[in-house]
């Protein structure tokens, strides 16, 4: 059983809990004008640890510095609050993880457009001087106008001092080999995660599987690309190279997928089943916000 969500976070009225992770919880909330936002707060049990507050402050700084079509813009934040929070634009969409779980893998055309969109997102993130370090299906939202990369909870500035090997952070199935070994990460580490995420998108499985030994398979094993569509095989294989210098840059990934889209596919994006999931979310959002009482200014 999860505790009841707070009624307010900063100036935002909480509508529902969207999800939770190792560091924070995310809530759907509305402004006084009923604009929808996604608000992330530190988990209550971590509030007394200065390390987690500092990590959240870095997340706010990282998220604010990134712009572009394929990330969720920050609209407000208070990293100094008793319970620090970060509000971003609410994206009308569903996570890649949920879409594949409920509707099955994406068709080739949608996967190629996803690859191009994720490459553009990484270009914006890296241009801001940041390595995301946790690109994975649950951190990718599929929206009607393209994908979005979210959650900068463990993002690090380029050139930051590496964490110790006992502080390896990230999602094991989508880590790069260097990240799995606790070595310094670079923008090419995010490219490896992009490749792994695309394999999941078109097959429903991570390329190195899951479980306790997945980090060892990422470092020493061979990815399972047997169900990967042939047009995508070359660029994804390069993304999953063991050595960072052998991987393409996000610009090269974008060029590769853009070329595939121009040569083989049309302009369609999401399959109808995923659009139905987004539509169902919209209905739920309208229903729950319609039930909210009108916010009134406090009496003087």
Foldseek 3Di string as FASTA:
>chain_A
DDDDDDQDDVQWGFQAWDAADDFWTWTWTAHLVGFTKIKIWGDPVCLVPVVSLVLVVVLQVLQQLFDDDAAWHWDDWDSPDSTTMTITHDALFAFLLVCCVVPNAFDPLQLLQQLLSVLRRLVRSVVSQKAQQADARRQWTQHQVYIHGDDSSPIDGPPDDFDDQVPQDYALLQFALCSLRSHDDDSLRVLSSSLQRSLCRHHVAGQQGDDDCSSVCLQPNDGPCVRPDPLCVPLSNQSSDNDSVSHDHSVVSNVSSVVCCVPPHDDDHGDPSRVVVSVVVVVVSVVSSVPDDNDDDDDD
